[in-house]
């Protein structure tokens, strides 16, 4: 399984950005997909996770009501729409995947990780 994230960049405070992550090497619909982030000097933080069908979604407290995770199983792609960005959102964003055995969406136990894409929010 390979994960390739893209869409990061520099954005001003209050702006929006959409990240994408493509899974290859396996059947995308067999996987729970998640986004995590890590700011310099900080631990990795859970951002959002989506079940294989998209029917179950969870968000971290710091992004709830601002970020939206979605997936397109026909394109093997998971998205993270980020709105109302602030400097605290500056981080490397990683997509991750784990095998799905139900329509649950746990934020732990990710088995595969992408290399990350940098998001910088400037004030």
Protein backbone atom coordinates (compact mmCIF):
# COMPACT_ATOMS: atom_id res chain seq x y z
CA UNK A 1 0.00 0.00 0.00
CA UNK A 2 1.29 3.44 -0.94
CA UNK A 3 -0.21 6.73 0.10
CA UNK A 4 0.55 9.97 -1.73
CA UNK A 5 -0.69 13.20 -0.20
CA UNK A 6 -0.79 16.51 -2.04
CA UNK A 7 -2.32 19.94 -1.86
CA UNK A 8 -0.28 21.54 0.87
CA UNK A 9 1.10 25.03 0.57
CA UNK A 10 1.11 28.53 1.97
CA UNK A 11 -2.21 30.16 2.84
CA UNK A 12 -3.21 33.26 4.75
CA UNK A 13 -5.15 33.29 7.99
CA UNK A 14 -8.82 32.65 7.34
CA UNK A 15 -8.14 30.96 4.03
CA UNK A 16 -8.95 27.48 2.79
CA UNK A 17 -7.00 24.58 1.37
CA UNK A 18 -7.92 21.11 0.19
CA UNK A 19 -5.60 18.16 0.67
CA UNK A 20 -5.84 14.96 -1.33
CA UNK A 21 -4.40 11.53 -0.72
CA UNK A 22 -4.37 8.71 -3.22
CA UNK A 23 -4.02 5.09 -2.13
CA UNK A 24 -2.43 2.64 -4.53
CA UNK A 25 -1.41 -1.00 -4.36
CA UNK A 26 -4.63 -2.25 -2.84
CA UNK A 27 -8.39 -1.79 -2.92
CA UNK A 28 -9.20 1.64 -1.52
CA UNK A 29 -12.66 0.69 -0.32
CA UNK A 30 -11.11 -1.91 2.01
CA UNK A 31 -9.57 0.84 4.13
CA UNK A 32 -10.44 3.31 6.82
CA UNK A 33 -8.69 6.57 5.93
CA UNK A 34 -7.42 9.23 8.26
CA UNK A 35 -5.58 12.52 8.42
CA UNK A 36 -3.07 13.43 11.10
CA UNK A 37 -0.73 16.35 11.51
CA UNK A 38 2.50 17.19 13.27
CA UNK A 39 3.70 20.69 14.01
CA UNK A 40 7.40 21.41 14.67
CA UNK A 41 8.38 20.27 18.13
CA UNK A 42 4.99 18.73 18.84
CA UNK A 43 3.52 15.25 18.88
CA UNK A 44 1.43 13.93 16.04
CA UNK A 45 -2.21 14.93 16.36
CA UNK A 46 -5.34 13.24 15.11
CA UNK A 47 -7.27 15.39 12.62
CA UNK A 48 -10.02 13.30 11.03
CA UNK A 49 -10.97 9.77 10.06
CA UNK A 50 -13.56 8.30 7.71
CA UNK A 51 -14.90 4.77 7.43
CA UNK A 52 -14.72 2.77 4.25
CA UNK A 53 -18.21 3.78 3.17
CA UNK A 54 -18.00 7.36 4.39
CA UNK A 55 -20.85 6.62 6.77
CA UNK A 56 -18.81 7.19 9.92
CA UNK A 57 -16.66 10.29 10.38
CA UNK A 58 -14.80 11.65 13.39
CA UNK A 59 -12.80 14.84 13.93
CA UNK A 60 -10.23 16.05 16.39
CA UNK A 61 -11.48 18.76 18.72
CA UNK A 62 -9.18 21.42 17.31
CA UNK A 63 -10.54 21.10 13.75
CA UNK A 64 -14.17 20.24 14.36
CA UNK A 65 -16.56 22.57 12.47
CA UNK A 66 -13.71 23.86 10.27
CA UNK A 67 -12.38 20.81 8.44
CA UNK A 68 -14.30 18.29 6.34
CA UNK A 69 -13.04 14.82 5.42
CA UNK A 70 -14.51 12.98 2.46
CA UNK A 71 -13.60 10.16 0.11
CA UNK A 72 -14.23 9.03 -3.42
CA UNK A 73 -13.87 5.26 -3.66
CA UNK A 74 -14.00 5.42 -7.45
CA UNK A 75 -10.85 7.57 -7.42
CA UNK A 76 -9.09 5.88 -4.49
CA UNK A 77 -8.79 9.30 -2.92
CA UNK A 78 -9.49 10.84 0.46
CA UNK A 79 -9.81 14.59 0.85
CA UNK A 80 -9.44 17.07 3.66
CA UNK A 81 -11.14 20.40 3.09
CA UNK A 82 -9.65 22.90 5.53
CA UNK A 83 -11.47 26.17 6.17
CA UNK A 84 -10.92 29.14 8.48
CA UNK A 85 -7.26 28.28 8.78
CA UNK A 86 -5.19 29.83 11.54
CA UNK A 87 -1.45 29.72 12.36
CA UNK A 88 -2.03 26.84 14.81
CA UNK A 89 -2.97 24.69 11.81
CA UNK A 90 0.57 24.96 10.44
CA UNK A 91 1.96 21.43 10.29
CA UNK A 92 2.91 18.54 8.09
CA UNK A 93 -0.29 16.68 7.28
CA UNK A 94 -0.18 12.93 6.86
CA UNK A 95 -2.76 10.59 5.46
CA UNK A 96 -3.01 7.11 6.88
CA UNK A 97 -4.93 3.90 6.29
CA UNK A 98 -5.97 0.76 8.10
CA UNK A 99 -7.96 -2.25 7.01
CA UNK A 100 -11.69 -1.92 7.57
CA UNK A 101 -13.66 -4.76 9.14
CA UNK A 102 -16.80 -2.77 9.79
CA UNK A 103 -18.13 0.72 9.16
CA UNK A 104 -16.38 1.95 12.26
CA UNK A 105 -13.76 4.72 12.11
CA UNK A 106 -11.14 4.46 14.85
CA UNK A 107 -8.42 7.06 15.07
CA UNK A 108 -5.80 4.58 16.24
CA UNK A 109 -4.10 1.56 14.77
CA UNK A 110 -3.23 3.03 11.39
CA UNK A 111 -1.17 0.56 9.38
CA UNK A 112 0.07 2.64 6.47
CA UNK A 113 1.32 6.21 6.32
CA UNK A 114 2.07 8.65 3.54
CA UNK A 115 5.03 11.03 3.51
CA UNK A 116 3.05 14.13 4.38
CA UNK A 117 2.38 17.50 2.85
CA UNK A 118 3.29 20.79 4.50
CA UNK A 119 0.61 23.36 5.28
CA UNK A 120 1.76 26.81 6.37
CA UNK A 121 -0.73 29.41 7.55
CA UNK A 122 0.71 32.90 7.60
CA UNK A 123 -0.56 35.85 9.55
